[in-house]
Amino acid sequence: MPTSFAQIRLPLLAVVLASGLAGCASTPPPTGDLSAAQQAVMRADDADADQYAPQDLAAARSALSGAQAAMSQGKDEDARRLALTAAAEADLAFAHSRETLANAELNQRRAEIAELRRRLQSGGDQ
């Protein structure tokens, strides 16, 4: 006995609906990426990146603002991309700031060593 349309209608409808729902499913909103970017910008701020790496920090803040705007508009992929860019720029600002501070400390230590050597060569009377 051949199967009628009435007998397969319900299973067919379930398969079509399941396929449609799976097609509509998208990646979750990039709230984690946005949070990570915000934390990276705060870390760079705490490392005085506004003084030692202002361009990198400005790029990070700009990308973070763009990510927040994209997120509020429902553009999750743009928000994710901009959040990752913001985090990378903030990490770069943090690294540049730390490098500048480390170099300043290194130069200070070298100057102290040079002064101590000068004192030792002059007899240490000072």
C-alpha atoms as a PDB file:
ATOM      1  CA  MET A   1       0.000   0.000   0.000  1.00  0.00           C
ATOM      2  CA  PRO A   2       1.506   3.335  -1.052  1.00  0.00           C
ATOM      3  CA  THR A   3       2.085   6.029   1.560  1.00  0.00           C
ATOM      4  CA  SER A   4      -0.234   8.986   1.213  1.00  0.00           C
ATOM      5  CA  PHE A   5       0.656  12.641   1.651  1.00  0.00           C
ATOM      6  CA  ALA A   6      -1.583  12.819   4.719  1.00  0.00           C
ATOM      7  CA  GLN A   7       0.550  10.192   6.443  1.00  0.00           C
ATOM      8  CA  ILE A   8       3.888  11.986   5.879  1.00  0.00           C
ATOM      9  CA  ARG A   9       2.600  15.533   6.210  1.00  0.00           C
ATOM     10  CA  LEU A  10       3.373  15.932   9.936  1.00  0.00           C
ATOM     11  CA  PRO A  11       6.912  14.464   9.789  1.00  0.00           C
ATOM     12  CA  LEU A  12       7.626  16.480   6.651  1.00  0.00           C
ATOM     13  CA  LEU A  13       6.418  19.655   8.339  1.00  0.00           C
ATOM     14  CA  ALA A  14       8.643  18.939  11.361  1.00  0.00           C
ATOM     15  CA  VAL A  15      11.689  18.452   9.117  1.00  0.00           C
ATOM     16  CA  VAL A  16      10.985  21.684   7.223  1.00  0.00           C
ATOM     17  CA  LEU A  17      10.533  23.667  10.433  1.00  0.00           C
ATOM     18  CA  ALA A  18      13.663  22.204  11.986  1.00  0.00           C
ATOM     19  CA  SER A  19      15.661  23.051   8.869  1.00  0.00           C
ATOM     20  CA  GLY A  20      14.303  26.579   8.871  1.00  0.00           C
ATOM     21  CA  LEU A  21      15.153  27.125  12.514  1.00  0.00           C
ATOM     22  CA  ALA A  22      18.651  25.743  12.042  1.00  0.00           C
ATOM     23  CA  GLY A  23      19.159  28.117   9.117  1.00  0.00           C
ATOM     24  CA  CYS A  24      18.077  31.087  11.210  1.00  0.00           C
ATOM     25  CA  ALA A  25      20.369  30.227  14.091  1.00  0.00           C
ATOM     26  CA  SER A  26      23.359  32.511  14.246  1.00  0.00           C
ATOM     27  CA  THR A  27      26.351  32.860  16.479  1.00  0.00           C
ATOM     28  CA  PRO A  28      25.657  34.319  19.905  1.00  0.00           C
ATOM     29  CA  PRO A  29      26.170  38.050  20.438  1.00  0.00           C
ATOM     30  CA  PRO A  30      29.811  38.959  21.039  1.00  0.00           C
ATOM     31  CA  THR A  31      29.307  40.090  24.619  1.00  0.00           C
ATOM     32  CA  GLY A  32      32.403  38.189  25.759  1.00  0.00           C
ATOM     33  CA  ASP A  33      34.540  39.776  23.057  1.00  0.00           C
ATOM     34  CA  LEU A  34      33.168  43.200  23.938  1.00  0.00           C
ATOM     35  CA  SER A  35      33.883  42.660  27.623  1.00  0.00           C
ATOM     36  CA  ALA A  36      37.426  41.485  26.859  1.00  0.00           C
ATOM     37  CA  ALA A  37      38.002  44.579  24.714  1.00  0.00           C
ATOM     38  CA  GLN A  38      36.750  46.858  27.495  1.00  0.00           C
ATOM     39  CA  GLN A  39      39.079  45.182  29.977  1.00  0.00           C
ATOM     40  CA  ALA A  40      42.020  45.497  27.581  1.00  0.00           C
ATOM     41  CA  VAL A  41      41.338  49.234  27.156  1.00  0.00           C
ATOM     42  CA  MET A  42      41.158  49.649  30.943  1.00  0.00           C
ATOM     43  CA  ARG A  43      44.439  47.745  31.330  1.00  0.00           C
ATOM     44  CA  ALA A  44      46.086  50.052  28.799  1.00  0.00           C
ATOM     45  CA  ASP A  45      44.646  53.071  30.629  1.00  0.00           C
ATOM     46  CA  ASP A  46      46.083  51.793  33.893  1.00  0.00           C
ATOM     47  CA  ALA A  47      49.496  51.457  32.220  1.00  0.00           C
ATOM     48  CA  ASP A  48      49.438  55.170  31.282  1.00  0.00           C
ATOM     49  CA  ALA A  49      49.013  54.369  27.594  1.00  0.00           C
ATOM     50  CA  ASP A  50      47.323  57.730  27.130  1.00  0.00           C
ATOM     51  CA  GLN A  51      50.718  59.297  27.832  1.00  0.00           C
ATOM     52  CA  TYR A  52      53.084  56.745  26.282  1.00  0.00           C
ATOM     53  CA  ALA A  53      51.016  55.241  23.437  1.00  0.00           C
ATOM     54  CA  PRO A  54      48.224  57.726  22.723  1.00  0.00           C
ATOM     55  CA  GLN A  55      47.673  56.751  19.083  1.00  0.00           C
ATOM     56  CA  ASP A  56      47.329  53.059  19.881  1.00  0.00           C
ATOM     57  CA  LEU A  57      44.971  53.789  22.762  1.00  0.00           C
ATOM     58  CA  ALA A  58      42.887  56.137  20.603  1.00  0.00           C
ATOM     59  CA  ALA A  59      42.586  53.415  17.945  1.00  0.00           C
ATOM     60  CA  ALA A  60      41.496  50.944  20.627  1.00  0.00           C
ATOM     61  CA  ARG A  61      38.886  53.320  22.005  1.00  0.00           C
ATOM     62  CA  SER A  62      37.592  54.074  18.522  1.00  0.00           C
ATOM     63  CA  ALA A  63      37.262  50.384  17.673  1.00  0.00           C
ATOM     64  CA  LEU A  64      35.562  49.743  21.029  1.00  0.00           C
ATOM     65  CA  SER A  65      33.044  52.511  20.362  1.00  0.00           C
ATOM     66  CA  GLY A  66      32.395  51.062  16.925  1.00  0.00           C
ATOM     67  CA  ALA A  67      31.905  47.608  18.425  1.00  0.00           C
ATOM     68  CA  GLN A  68      29.422  48.944  20.958  1.00  0.00           C
ATOM     69  CA  ALA A  69      27.518  50.787  18.241  1.00  0.00           C
ATOM     70  CA  ALA A  70      27.455  47.723  15.991  1.00  0.00           C
ATOM     71  CA  MET A  71      26.248  45.588  18.878  1.00  0.00           C
ATOM     72  CA  SER A  72      23.385  47.985  19.623  1.00  0.00           C
ATOM     73  CA  GLN A  73      22.394  47.847  15.943  1.00  0.00           C
ATOM     74  CA  GLY A  74      22.370  44.064  15.964  1.00  0.00           C
ATOM     75  CA  LYS A  75      25.401  43.753  13.698  1.00  0.00           C
ATOM     76  CA  ASP A  76      27.023  40.966  15.671  1.00  0.00           C
ATOM     77  CA  GLU A  77      29.747  40.069  13.188  1.00  0.00           C
ATOM     78  CA  ASP A  78      30.851  43.699  12.847  1.00  0.00           C
ATOM     79  CA  ALA A  79      30.722  44.056  16.623  1.00  0.00           C
ATOM     80  CA  ARG A  80      32.854  40.933  17.074  1.00  0.00           C
ATOM     81  CA  ARG A  81      35.417  42.082  14.508  1.00  0.00           C
ATOM     82  CA  LEU A  82      35.651  45.566  16.013  1.00  0.00           C
ATOM     83  CA  ALA A  83      35.850  44.188  19.565  1.00  0.00           C
ATOM     84  CA  LEU A  84      38.750  41.946  18.584  1.00  0.00           C
ATOM     85  CA  THR A  85      40.428  44.895  16.871  1.00  0.00           C
ATOM     86  CA  ALA A  86      39.904  47.046  19.976  1.00  0.00           C
ATOM     87  CA  ALA A  87      41.419  44.375  22.207  1.00  0.00           C
ATOM     88  CA  ALA A  88      44.438  44.009  19.922  1.00  0.00           C
ATOM     89  CA  GLU A  89      44.981  47.779  19.729  1.00  0.00           C
ATOM     90  CA  ALA A  90      44.632  48.082  23.514  1.00  0.00           C
ATOM     91  CA  ASP A  91      47.124  45.262  24.034  1.00  0.00           C
ATOM     92  CA  LEU A  92      49.509  47.040  21.681  1.00  0.00           C
ATOM     93  CA  ALA A  93      49.052  50.303  23.599  1.00  0.00           C
ATOM     94  CA  PHE A  94      49.703  48.442  26.858  1.00  0.00           C
ATOM     95  CA  ALA A  95      52.874  46.864  25.442  1.00  0.00           C
ATOM     96  CA  HIS A  96      54.166  50.167  24.054  1.00  0.00           C
ATOM     97  CA  SER A  97      53.504  51.891  27.361  1.00  0.00           C
ATOM     98  CA  ARG A  98      55.271  49.178  29.328  1.00  0.00           C
ATOM     99  CA  GLU A  99      58.179  49.254  26.885  1.00  0.00           C
ATOM    100  CA  THR A 100      58.543  53.017  27.254  1.00  0.00           C
ATOM    101  CA  LEU A 101      58.494  52.766  31.039  1.00  0.00           C
ATOM    102  CA  ALA A 102      61.001  49.900  31.020  1.00  0.00           C
ATOM    103  CA  ASN A 103      63.331  51.845  28.731  1.00  0.00           C
ATOM    104  CA  ALA A 104      63.080  54.902  30.975  1.00  0.00           C
ATOM    105  CA  GLU A 105      63.953  52.788  34.006  1.00  0.00           C
ATOM    106  CA  LEU A 106      66.823  51.168  32.117  1.00  0.00           C
ATOM    107  CA  ASN A 107      68.206  54.576  31.159  1.00  0.00           C
ATOM    108  CA  GLN A 108      67.909  55.736  34.755  1.00  0.00           C
ATOM    109  CA  ARG A 109      69.809  52.676  36.004  1.00  0.00           C
ATOM    110  CA  ARG A 110      72.493  53.191  33.361  1.00  0.00           C
ATOM    111  CA  ALA A 111      72.878  56.798  34.466  1.00  0.00           C
ATOM    112  CA  GLU A 112      73.211  55.663  38.087  1.00  0.00           C
ATOM    113  CA  ILE A 113      75.858  53.117  37.091  1.00  0.00           C
ATOM    114  CA  ALA A 114      77.756  55.756  35.133  1.00  0.00           C
ATOM    115  CA  GLU A 115      77.634  58.077  38.143  1.00  0.00           C
ATOM    116  CA  LEU A 116      78.894  55.330  40.468  1.00  0.00           C
ATOM    117  CA  ARG A 117      81.731  54.524  38.058  1.00  0.00           C
ATOM    118  CA  ARG A 118      82.663  58.193  37.895  1.00  0.00           C
ATOM    119  CA  ARG A 119      82.753  58.353  41.688  1.00  0.00           C
ATOM    120  CA  LEU A 120      84.864  55.221  41.941  1.00  0.00           C
ATOM    121  CA  GLN A 121      87.355  56.561  39.373  1.00  0.00           C
ATOM    122  CA  SER A 122      87.638  59.895  41.150  1.00  0.00           C
ATOM    123  CA  GLY A 123      88.463  58.246  44.439  1.00  0.00           C
ATOM    124  CA  GLY A 124      85.030  58.101  46.044  1.00  0.00           C
ATOM    125  CA  ASP A 125      85.547  61.281  48.078  1.00  0.00           C
ATOM    126  CA  GLN A 126      82.086  62.557  47.378  1.00  0.00           C
END
